[in-house]
Amino acid sequence: MSTPKKKSTIVKQSAPVDLVDYPTFLNGISELLESARRTAMRSVNAVMTAAYWEIGRRVVETDQGGDIRAEYGQQLIKRLSSDLKARFGRGFSPVNLSMMKRF
């Protein structure tokens, strides 16, 4: 079975672009995109910070219980680190998970 051919899209201009105003137009579009990207990064950072805090809270909650559970806690962090790195990639080392726990 052959793959369908893509139709080429031709952009028709109804009126010529005024080259004098184009740099201003381009700057406005560029500023809009830069502002949107900054806002998106701040939103993502806020959500990820909350997620890391919640991960730490859950580890602490599971890990609490004194000396007997201290060894279990280290095993939990190592295993969780391995599983999260396999699933989500870097950023979930035992050190990072311990920092989330302290957070």
PDB file of N, CA and C in Angstrom:
ATOM      1  N   MET A   1       0.850  -1.174   0.000  1.00  0.00           N
ATOM      2  CA  MET A   1       0.000   0.000   0.000  1.00  0.00           C
ATOM      3  C   MET A   1       0.893   1.232   0.000  1.00  0.00           C
ATOM      4  N   SER A   2       0.651   2.156  -0.887  1.00  0.00           N
ATOM      5  CA  SER A   2       1.481   3.351  -0.963  1.00  0.00           C
ATOM      6  C   SER A   2       0.997   4.397   0.022  1.00  0.00           C
ATOM      7  N   THR A   3       1.944   5.240   0.461  1.00  0.00           N
ATOM      8  CA  THR A   3       1.589   6.305   1.397  1.00  0.00           C
ATOM      9  C   THR A   3       0.947   7.447   0.635  1.00  0.00           C
ATOM     10  N   PRO A   4      -0.043   8.078   1.220  1.00  0.00           N
ATOM     11  CA  PRO A   4      -0.705   9.192   0.536  1.00  0.00           C
ATOM     12  C   PRO A   4       0.255  10.366   0.364  1.00  0.00           C
ATOM     13  N   LYS A   5       0.148  11.004  -0.775  1.00  0.00           N
ATOM     14  CA  LYS A   5       0.996  12.152  -1.048  1.00  0.00           C
ATOM     15  C   LYS A   5       0.428  13.382  -0.372  1.00  0.00           C
ATOM     16  N   LYS A   6       1.349  14.178   0.183  1.00  0.00           N
ATOM     17  CA  LYS A   6       0.928  15.420   0.811  1.00  0.00           C
ATOM     18  C   LYS A   6       0.709  16.463  -0.267  1.00  0.00           C
ATOM     19  N   LYS A   7      -0.353  17.206  -0.114  1.00  0.00           N
ATOM     20  CA  LYS A   7      -0.604  18.299  -1.041  1.00  0.00           C
ATOM     21  C   LYS A   7       0.246  19.484  -0.620  1.00  0.00           C
ATOM     22  N   SER A   8       0.869  20.116  -1.569  1.00  0.00           N
ATOM     23  CA  SER A   8       1.653  21.298  -1.223  1.00  0.00           C
ATOM     24  C   SER A   8       0.694  22.459  -0.996  1.00  0.00           C
ATOM     25  N   THR A   9       0.996  23.203   0.037  1.00  0.00           N
ATOM     26  CA  THR A   9       0.157  24.346   0.383  1.00  0.00           C
ATOM     27  C   THR A   9       0.823  25.608  -0.125  1.00  0.00           C
ATOM     28  N   ILE A  10       0.086  26.368  -0.863  1.00  0.00           N
ATOM     29  CA  ILE A  10       0.587  27.633  -1.380  1.00  0.00           C
ATOM     30  C   ILE A  10      -0.124  28.747  -0.637  1.00  0.00           C
ATOM     31  N   VAL A  11       0.673  29.619  -0.040  1.00  0.00           N
ATOM     32  CA  VAL A  11       0.115  30.747   0.684  1.00  0.00           C
ATOM     33  C   VAL A  11      -0.094  31.869  -0.308  1.00  0.00           C
ATOM     34  N   LYS A  12      -1.332  32.286  -0.425  1.00  0.00           N
ATOM     35  CA  LYS A  12      -1.650  33.380  -1.332  1.00  0.00           C
ATOM     36  C   LYS A  12      -1.689  34.677  -0.548  1.00  0.00           C
ATOM     37  N   GLN A  13      -1.037  35.679  -1.080  1.00  0.00           N
ATOM     38  CA  GLN A  13      -1.078  36.982  -0.450  1.00  0.00           C
ATOM     39  C   GLN A  13      -2.124  37.814  -1.162  1.00  0.00           C
ATOM     40  N   SER A  14      -3.034  38.360  -0.382  1.00  0.00           N
ATOM     41  CA  SER A  14      -4.063  39.184  -0.982  1.00  0.00           C
ATOM     42  C   SER A  14      -3.566  40.595  -1.254  1.00  0.00           C
ATOM     43  N   ALA A  15      -2.599  41.006  -0.455  1.00  0.00           N
ATOM     44  CA  ALA A  15      -2.032  42.337  -0.644  1.00  0.00           C
ATOM     45  C   ALA A  15      -0.544  42.252  -0.334  1.00  0.00           C
ATOM     46  N   PRO A  16       0.275  43.028  -0.993  1.00  0.00           N
ATOM     47  CA  PRO A  16       1.709  42.975  -0.711  1.00  0.00           C
ATOM     48  C   PRO A  16       2.015  43.455   0.709  1.00  0.00           C
ATOM     49  N   VAL A  17       3.026  42.853   1.312  1.00  0.00           N
ATOM     50  CA  VAL A  17       3.442  43.235   2.661  1.00  0.00           C
ATOM     51  C   VAL A  17       4.189  44.558   2.571  1.00  0.00           C
ATOM     52  N   ASP A  18       3.805  45.473   3.428  1.00  0.00           N
ATOM     53  CA  ASP A  18       4.488  46.762   3.476  1.00  0.00           C
ATOM     54  C   ASP A  18       5.797  46.542   4.237  1.00  0.00           C
ATOM     55  N   LEU A  19       6.910  46.564   3.523  1.00  0.00           N
ATOM     56  CA  LEU A  19       8.200  46.256   4.125  1.00  0.00           C
ATOM     57  C   LEU A  19       8.613  47.268   5.186  1.00  0.00           C
ATOM     58  N   VAL A  20       8.071  48.456   5.149  1.00  0.00           N
ATOM     59  CA  VAL A  20       8.397  49.455   6.160  1.00  0.00           C
ATOM     60  C   VAL A  20       7.792  49.057   7.505  1.00  0.00           C
ATOM     61  N   ASP A  21       6.579  48.512   7.508  1.00  0.00           N
ATOM     62  CA  ASP A  21       5.896  48.126   8.746  1.00  0.00           C
ATOM     63  C   ASP A  21       6.221  46.695   9.174  1.00  0.00           C
ATOM     64  N   TYR A  22       6.810  45.897   8.296  1.00  0.00           N
ATOM     65  CA  TYR A  22       7.062  44.497   8.618  1.00  0.00           C
ATOM     66  C   TYR A  22       7.973  44.317   9.830  1.00  0.00           C
ATOM     67  N   PRO A  23       9.077  45.035   9.963  1.00  0.00           N
ATOM     68  CA  PRO A  23       9.913  44.855  11.162  1.00  0.00           C
ATOM     69  C   PRO A  23       9.150  45.105  12.464  1.00  0.00           C
ATOM     70  N   THR A  24       8.283  46.093  12.481  1.00  0.00           N
ATOM     71  CA  THR A  24       7.466  46.371  13.667  1.00  0.00           C
ATOM     72  C   THR A  24       6.502  45.214  13.919  1.00  0.00           C
ATOM     73  N   PHE A  25       5.905  44.720  12.858  1.00  0.00           N
ATOM     74  CA  PHE A  25       4.989  43.582  12.939  1.00  0.00           C
ATOM     75  C   PHE A  25       5.728  42.355  13.485  1.00  0.00           C
ATOM     76  N   LEU A  26       6.892  42.066  12.921  1.00  0.00           N
ATOM     77  CA  LEU A  26       7.687  40.918  13.354  1.00  0.00           C
ATOM     78  C   LEU A  26       8.102  41.057  14.821  1.00  0.00           C
ATOM     79  N   ASN A  27       8.534  42.247  15.229  1.00  0.00           N
ATOM     80  CA  ASN A  27       8.904  42.474  16.627  1.00  0.00           C
ATOM     81  C   ASN A  27       7.728  42.234  17.562  1.00  0.00           C
ATOM     82  N   GLY A  28       6.552  42.667  17.178  1.00  0.00           N
ATOM     83  CA  GLY A  28       5.357  42.451  17.993  1.00  0.00           C
ATOM     84  C   GLY A  28       5.048  40.977  18.158  1.00  0.00           C
ATOM     85  N   ILE A  29       5.145  40.219  17.065  1.00  0.00           N
ATOM     86  CA  ILE A  29       4.899  38.770  17.116  1.00  0.00           C
ATOM     87  C   ILE A  29       5.966  38.099  17.977  1.00  0.00           C
ATOM     88  N   SER A  30       7.224  38.512  17.798  1.00  0.00           N
ATOM     89  CA  SER A  30       8.325  37.933  18.577  1.00  0.00           C
ATOM     90  C   SER A  30       8.144  38.193  20.067  1.00  0.00           C
ATOM     91  N   GLU A  31       7.766  39.406  20.439  1.00  0.00           N
ATOM     92  CA  GLU A  31       7.536  39.738  21.846  1.00  0.00           C
ATOM     93  C   GLU A  31       6.392  38.916  22.421  1.00  0.00           C
ATOM     94  N   LEU A  32       5.347  38.716  21.633  1.00  0.00           N
ATOM     95  CA  LEU A  32       4.212  37.904  22.069  1.00  0.00           C
ATOM     96  C   LEU A  32       4.661  36.477  22.366  1.00  0.00           C
ATOM     97  N   LEU A  33       5.445  35.891  21.463  1.00  0.00           N
ATOM     98  CA  LEU A  33       5.915  34.519  21.656  1.00  0.00           C
ATOM     99  C   LEU A  33       6.862  34.416  22.848  1.00  0.00           C
ATOM    100  N   GLU A  34       7.767  35.380  22.995  1.00  0.00           N
ATOM    101  CA  GLU A  34       8.693  35.361  24.130  1.00  0.00           C
ATOM    102  C   GLU A  34       7.941  35.481  25.451  1.00  0.00           C
ATOM    103  N   SER A  35       6.945  36.331  25.496  1.00  0.00           N
ATOM    104  CA  SER A  35       6.138  36.495  26.701  1.00  0.00           C
ATOM    105  C   SER A  35       5.378  35.207  27.021  1.00  0.00           C
ATOM    106  N   ALA A  36       4.812  34.583  25.999  1.00  0.00           N
ATOM    107  CA  ALA A  36       4.074  33.336  26.201  1.00  0.00           C
ATOM    108  C   ALA A  36       5.003  32.238  26.707  1.00  0.00           C
ATOM    109  N   ARG A  37       6.205  32.169  26.157  1.00  0.00           N
ATOM    110  CA  ARG A  37       7.167  31.154  26.610  1.00  0.00           C
ATOM    111  C   ARG A  37       7.589  31.382  28.056  1.00  0.00           C
ATOM    112  N   ARG A  38       7.829  32.641  28.431  1.00  0.00           N
ATOM    113  CA  ARG A  38       8.198  32.936  29.821  1.00  0.00           C
ATOM    114  C   ARG A  38       7.071  32.542  30.769  1.00  0.00           C
ATOM    115  N   THR A  39       5.839  32.877  30.388  1.00  0.00           N
ATOM    116  CA  THR A  39       4.683  32.535  31.220  1.00  0.00           C
ATOM    117  C   THR A  39       4.529  31.023  31.339  1.00  0.00           C
ATOM    118  N   ALA A  40       4.720  30.321  30.242  1.00  0.00           N
ATOM    119  CA  ALA A  40       4.620  28.855  30.257  1.00  0.00           C
ATOM    120  C   ALA A  40       5.699  28.253  31.150  1.00  0.00           C
ATOM    121  N   MET A  41       6.929  28.770  31.071  1.00  0.00           N
ATOM    122  CA  MET A  41       8.008  28.252  31.911  1.00  0.00           C
ATOM    123  C   MET A  41       7.710  28.470  33.386  1.00  0.00           C
ATOM    124  N   ARG A  42       7.183  29.652  33.728  1.00  0.00           N
ATOM    125  CA  ARG A  42       6.837  29.913  35.134  1.00  0.00           C
ATOM    126  C   ARG A  42       5.751  28.953  35.599  1.00  0.00           C
ATOM    127  N   SER A  43       4.777  28.697  34.763  1.00  0.00           N
ATOM    128  CA  SER A  43       3.697  27.775  35.131  1.00  0.00           C
ATOM    129  C   SER A  43       4.228  26.364  35.319  1.00  0.00           C
ATOM    130  N   VAL A  44       5.069  25.929  34.388  1.00  0.00           N
ATOM    131  CA  VAL A  44       5.643  24.589  34.487  1.00  0.00           C
ATOM    132  C   VAL A  44       6.503  24.484  35.743  1.00  0.00           C
ATOM    133  N   ASN A  45       7.324  25.501  36.011  1.00  0.00           N
ATOM    134  CA  ASN A  45       8.162  25.478  37.207  1.00  0.00           C
ATOM    135  C   ASN A  45       7.322  25.381  38.470  1.00  0.00           C
ATOM    136  N   ALA A  46       6.238  26.123  38.533  1.00  0.00           N
ATOM    137  CA  ALA A  46       5.372  26.088  39.718  1.00  0.00           C
ATOM    138  C   ALA A  46       4.742  24.709  39.891  1.00  0.00           C
ATOM    139  N   VAL A  47       4.273  24.127  38.810  1.00  0.00           N
ATOM    140  CA  VAL A  47       3.634  22.807  38.886  1.00  0.00           C
ATOM    141  C   VAL A  47       4.659  21.737  39.251  1.00  0.00           C
ATOM    142  N   MET A  48       5.856  21.798  38.670  1.00  0.00           N
ATOM    143  CA  MET A  48       6.886  20.808  38.977  1.00  0.00           C
ATOM    144  C   MET A  48       7.365  20.946  40.419  1.00  0.00           C
ATOM    145  N   THR A  49       7.475  22.171  40.919  1.00  0.00           N
ATOM    146  CA  THR A  49       7.854  22.369  42.315  1.00  0.00           C
ATOM    147  C   THR A  49       6.821  21.731  43.238  1.00  0.00           C
ATOM    148  N   ALA A  50       5.562  21.927  42.929  1.00  0.00           N
ATOM    149  CA  ALA A  50       4.490  21.313  43.734  1.00  0.00           C
ATOM    150  C   ALA A  50       4.554  19.785  43.638  1.00  0.00           C
ATOM    151  N   ALA A  51       4.850  19.265  42.459  1.00  0.00           N
ATOM    152  CA  ALA A  51       4.944  17.810  42.284  1.00  0.00           C
ATOM    153  C   ALA A  51       6.118  17.250  43.094  1.00  0.00           C
ATOM    154  N   TYR A  52       7.277  17.938  43.043  1.00  0.00           N
ATOM    155  CA  TYR A  52       8.430  17.476  43.812  1.00  0.00           C
ATOM    156  C   TYR A  52       8.159  17.529  45.310  1.00  0.00           C
ATOM    157  N   TRP A  53       7.478  18.565  45.761  1.00  0.00           N
ATOM    158  CA  TRP A  53       7.110  18.673  47.171  1.00  0.00           C
ATOM    159  C   TRP A  53       6.213  17.493  47.563  1.00  0.00           C
ATOM    160  N   GLU A  54       5.247  17.188  46.701  1.00  0.00           N
ATOM    161  CA  GLU A  54       4.318  16.083  46.982  1.00  0.00           C
ATOM    162  C   GLU A  54       5.047  14.742  46.977  1.00  0.00           C
ATOM    163  N   ILE A  55       5.998  14.562  46.066  1.00  0.00           N
ATOM    164  CA  ILE A  55       6.798  13.331  46.061  1.00  0.00           C
ATOM    165  C   ILE A  55       7.523  13.204  47.399  1.00  0.00           C
ATOM    166  N   GLY A  56       8.163  14.301  47.829  1.00  0.00           N
ATOM    167  CA  GLY A  56       8.865  14.289  49.115  1.00  0.00           C
ATOM    168  C   GLY A  56       7.939  13.977  50.272  1.00  0.00           C
ATOM    169  N   ARG A  57       6.763  14.576  50.252  1.00  0.00           N
ATOM    170  CA  ARG A  57       5.784  14.333  51.323  1.00  0.00           C
ATOM    171  C   ARG A  57       5.402  12.856  51.369  1.00  0.00           C
ATOM    172  N   ARG A  58       5.184  12.264  50.206  1.00  0.00           N
ATOM    173  CA  ARG A  58       4.787  10.850  50.160  1.00  0.00           C
ATOM    174  C   ARG A  58       5.922   9.934  50.615  1.00  0.00           C
ATOM    175  N   VAL A  59       7.150  10.280  50.261  1.00  0.00           N
ATOM    176  CA  VAL A  59       8.290   9.480  50.703  1.00  0.00           C
ATOM    177  C   VAL A  59       8.405   9.563  52.223  1.00  0.00           C
ATOM    178  N   VAL A  60       8.295  10.774  52.777  1.00  0.00           N
ATOM    179  CA  VAL A  60       8.370  10.949  54.229  1.00  0.00           C
ATOM    180  C   VAL A  60       7.256  10.159  54.905  1.00  0.00           C
ATOM    181  N   GLU A  61       6.069  10.261  54.375  1.00  0.00           N
ATOM    182  CA  GLU A  61       4.919   9.569  54.956  1.00  0.00           C
ATOM    183  C   GLU A  61       5.136   8.059  54.964  1.00  0.00           C
ATOM    184  N   THR A  62       5.692   7.528  53.895  1.00  0.00           N
ATOM    185  CA  THR A  62       5.945   6.091  53.793  1.00  0.00           C
ATOM    186  C   THR A  62       7.131   5.679  54.646  1.00  0.00           C
ATOM    187  N   ASP A  63       8.084   6.596  54.802  1.00  0.00           N
ATOM    188  CA  ASP A  63       9.368   6.323  55.446  1.00  0.00           C
ATOM    189  C   ASP A  63       9.347   6.530  56.955  1.00  0.00           C
ATOM    190  N   GLN A  64       8.371   7.172  57.503  1.00  0.00           N
ATOM    191  CA  GLN A  64       8.371   7.495  58.940  1.00  0.00           C
ATOM    192  C   GLN A  64       8.272   6.242  59.785  1.00  0.00           C
ATOM    193  N   GLY A  65       8.889   6.319  60.961  1.00  0.00           N
ATOM    194  CA  GLY A  65       8.759   5.194  61.867  1.00  0.00           C
ATOM    195  C   GLY A  65       9.990   4.894  62.676  1.00  0.00           C
ATOM    196  N   GLY A  66      11.003   5.729  62.637  1.00  0.00           N
ATOM    197  CA  GLY A  66      12.160   5.534  63.504  1.00  0.00           C
ATOM    198  C   GLY A  66      13.274   4.740  62.867  1.00  0.00           C
ATOM    199  N   ASP A  67      14.162   4.208  63.752  1.00  0.00           N
ATOM    200  CA  ASP A  67      15.389   3.550  63.301  1.00  0.00           C
ATOM    201  C   ASP A  67      15.130   2.302  62.471  1.00  0.00           C
ATOM    202  N   ILE A  68      14.138   1.548  62.849  1.00  0.00           N
ATOM    203  CA  ILE A  68      13.841   0.310  62.127  1.00  0.00           C
ATOM    204  C   ILE A  68      13.516   0.617  60.666  1.00  0.00           C
ATOM    205  N   ARG A  69      12.831   1.739  60.457  1.00  0.00           N
ATOM    206  CA  ARG A  69      12.408   2.089  59.107  1.00  0.00           C
ATOM    207  C   ARG A  69      13.478   2.867  58.338  1.00  0.00           C
ATOM    208  N   ALA A  70      14.555   3.280  59.011  1.00  0.00           N
ATOM    209  CA  ALA A  70      15.582   4.072  58.336  1.00  0.00           C
ATOM    210  C   ALA A  70      16.213   3.285  57.194  1.00  0.00           C
ATOM    211  N   GLU A  71      16.535   2.026  57.440  1.00  0.00           N
ATOM    212  CA  GLU A  71      17.102   1.193  56.379  1.00  0.00           C
ATOM    213  C   GLU A  71      16.078   0.983  55.271  1.00  0.00           C
ATOM    214  N   TYR A  72      14.835   0.763  55.653  1.00  0.00           N
ATOM    215  CA  TYR A  72      13.764   0.626  54.670  1.00  0.00           C
ATOM    216  C   TYR A  72      13.653   1.891  53.822  1.00  0.00           C
ATOM    217  N   GLY A  73      13.797   3.058  54.462  1.00  0.00           N
ATOM    218  CA  GLY A  73      13.711   4.328  53.746  1.00  0.00           C
ATOM    219  C   GLY A  73      14.780   4.457  52.682  1.00  0.00           C
ATOM    220  N   GLN A  74      16.011   4.033  53.018  1.00  0.00           N
ATOM    221  CA  GLN A  74      17.096   4.085  52.033  1.00  0.00           C
ATOM    222  C   GLN A  74      16.819   3.135  50.878  1.00  0.00           C
ATOM    223  N   GLN A  75      16.293   1.948  51.187  1.00  0.00           N
ATOM    224  CA  GLN A  75      15.936   0.990  50.139  1.00  0.00           C
ATOM    225  C   GLN A  75      14.802   1.546  49.284  1.00  0.00           C
ATOM    226  N   LEU A  76      13.850   2.189  49.924  1.00  0.00           N
ATOM    227  CA  LEU A  76      12.724   2.790  49.204  1.00  0.00           C
ATOM    228  C   LEU A  76      13.221   3.842  48.224  1.00  0.00           C
ATOM    229  N   ILE A  77      14.110   4.717  48.679  1.00  0.00           N
ATOM    230  CA  ILE A  77      14.618   5.790  47.817  1.00  0.00           C
ATOM    231  C   ILE A  77      15.410   5.206  46.650  1.00  0.00           C
ATOM    232  N   LYS A  78      16.252   4.206  46.899  1.00  0.00           N
ATOM    233  CA  LYS A  78      17.025   3.585  45.824  1.00  0.00           C
ATOM    234  C   LYS A  78      16.110   2.930  44.785  1.00  0.00           C
ATOM    235  N   ARG A  79      15.127   2.198  45.271  1.00  0.00           N
ATOM    236  CA  ARG A  79      14.213   1.518  44.342  1.00  0.00           C
ATOM    237  C   ARG A  79      13.365   2.524  43.575  1.00  0.00           C
ATOM    238  N   LEU A  80      12.843   3.518  44.277  1.00  0.00           N
ATOM    239  CA  LEU A  80      12.027   4.553  43.631  1.00  0.00           C
ATOM    240  C   LEU A  80      12.856   5.297  42.587  1.00  0.00           C
ATOM    241  N   SER A  81      14.108   5.608  42.929  1.00  0.00           N
ATOM    242  CA  SER A  81      14.997   6.284  41.999  1.00  0.00           C
ATOM    243  C   SER A  81      15.173   5.464  40.727  1.00  0.00           C
ATOM    244  N   SER A  82      15.451   4.204  40.887  1.00  0.00           N
ATOM    245  CA  SER A  82      15.656   3.326  39.734  1.00  0.00           C
ATOM    246  C   SER A  82      14.407   3.255  38.850  1.00  0.00           C
ATOM    247  N   ASP A  83      13.266   3.086  39.480  1.00  0.00           N
ATOM    248  CA  ASP A  83      12.009   2.968  38.726  1.00  0.00           C
ATOM    249  C   ASP A  83      11.631   4.282  38.029  1.00  0.00           C
ATOM    250  N   LEU A  84      11.800   5.409  38.741  1.00  0.00           N
ATOM    251  CA  LEU A  84      11.447   6.696  38.127  1.00  0.00           C
ATOM    252  C   LEU A  84      12.397   7.067  36.994  1.00  0.00           C
ATOM    253  N   LYS A  85      13.700   6.775  37.163  1.00  0.00           N
ATOM    254  CA  LYS A  85      14.653   7.052  36.087  1.00  0.00           C
ATOM    255  C   LYS A  85      14.346   6.210  34.853  1.00  0.00           C
ATOM    256  N   ALA A  86      13.947   4.958  35.062  1.00  0.00           N
ATOM    257  CA  ALA A  86      13.597   4.093  33.928  1.00  0.00           C
ATOM    258  C   ALA A  86      12.363   4.613  33.203  1.00  0.00           C
ATOM    259  N   ARG A  87      11.451   5.172  33.955  1.00  0.00           N
ATOM    260  CA  ARG A  87      10.192   5.631  33.359  1.00  0.00           C
ATOM    261  C   ARG A  87      10.240   7.067  32.843  1.00  0.00           C
ATOM    262  N   PHE A  88      10.928   7.967  33.568  1.00  0.00           N
ATOM    263  CA  PHE A  88      10.896   9.393  33.240  1.00  0.00           C
ATOM    264  C   PHE A  88      12.247   9.979  32.857  1.00  0.00           C
ATOM    265  N   GLY A  89      13.319   9.198  32.947  1.00  0.00           N
ATOM    266  CA  GLY A  89      14.633   9.726  32.604  1.00  0.00           C
ATOM    267  C   GLY A  89      15.314  10.345  33.811  1.00  0.00           C
ATOM    268  N   ARG A  90      16.310  11.169  33.515  1.00  0.00           N
ATOM    269  CA  ARG A  90      17.133  11.727  34.589  1.00  0.00           C
ATOM    270  C   ARG A  90      16.367  12.698  35.483  1.00  0.00           C
ATOM    271  N   GLY A  91      16.983  13.001  36.612  1.00  0.00           N
ATOM    272  CA  GLY A  91      16.380  13.938  37.550  1.00  0.00           C
ATOM    273  C   GLY A  91      15.834  13.281  38.803  1.00  0.00           C
ATOM    274  N   PHE A  92      15.937  11.951  38.861  1.00  0.00           N
ATOM    275  CA  PHE A  92      15.371  11.234  40.006  1.00  0.00           C
ATOM    276  C   PHE A  92      16.418  10.363  40.693  1.00  0.00           C
ATOM    277  N   SER A  93      17.606  10.915  40.860  1.00  0.00           N
ATOM    278  CA  SER A  93      18.665  10.190  41.559  1.00  0.00           C
ATOM    279  C   SER A  93      18.288  10.071  43.036  1.00  0.00           C
ATOM    280  N   PRO A  94      18.939   9.154  43.748  1.00  0.00           N
ATOM    281  CA  PRO A  94      18.671   9.069  45.193  1.00  0.00           C
ATOM    282  C   PRO A  94      18.921  10.403  45.907  1.00  0.00           C
ATOM    283  N   VAL A  95      19.937  11.139  45.469  1.00  0.00           N
ATOM    284  CA  VAL A  95      20.223  12.439  46.076  1.00  0.00           C
ATOM    285  C   VAL A  95      19.048  13.399  45.840  1.00  0.00           C
ATOM    286  N   ASN A  96      18.550  13.450  44.606  1.00  0.00           N
ATOM    287  CA  ASN A  96      17.418  14.337  44.295  1.00  0.00           C
ATOM    288  C   ASN A  96      16.178  13.934  45.091  1.00  0.00           C
ATOM    289  N   LEU A  97      15.917  12.644  45.191  1.00  0.00           N
ATOM    290  CA  LEU A  97      14.752  12.190  45.954  1.00  0.00           C
ATOM    291  C   LEU A  97      14.920  12.528  47.440  1.00  0.00           C
ATOM    292  N   SER A  98      16.130  12.436  47.948  1.00  0.00           N
ATOM    293  CA  SER A  98      16.373  12.817  49.346  1.00  0.00           C
ATOM    294  C   SER A  98      16.141  14.301  49.549  1.00  0.00           C
ATOM    295  N   MET A  99      16.524  15.107  48.548  1.00  0.00           N
ATOM    296  CA  MET A  99      16.282  16.550  48.652  1.00  0.00           C
ATOM    297  C   MET A  99      14.775  16.844  48.592  1.00  0.00           C
ATOM    298  N   MET A 100      14.040  16.119  47.768  1.00  0.00           N
ATOM    299  CA  MET A 100      12.581  16.279  47.722  1.00  0.00           C
ATOM    300  C   MET A 100      11.989  15.926  49.078  1.00  0.00           C
ATOM    301  N   LYS A 101      12.526  14.888  49.691  1.00  0.00           N
ATOM    302  CA  LYS A 101      12.055  14.441  50.999  1.00  0.00           C
ATOM    303  C   LYS A 101      12.280  15.541  52.054  1.00  0.00           C
ATOM    304  N   ARG A 102      13.442  16.191  51.995  1.00  0.00           N
ATOM    305  CA  ARG A 102      13.746  17.266  52.944  1.00  0.00           C
ATOM    306  C   ARG A 102      12.934  18.515  52.665  1.00  0.00           C
ATOM    307  N   PHE A 103      12.558  18.713  51.423  1.00  0.00           N
ATOM    308  CA  PHE A 103      11.798  19.883  50.999  1.00  0.00           C
ATOM    309  C   PHE A 103      10.455  19.904  51.677  1.00  0.00           C
TER     310      PHE A 103
END
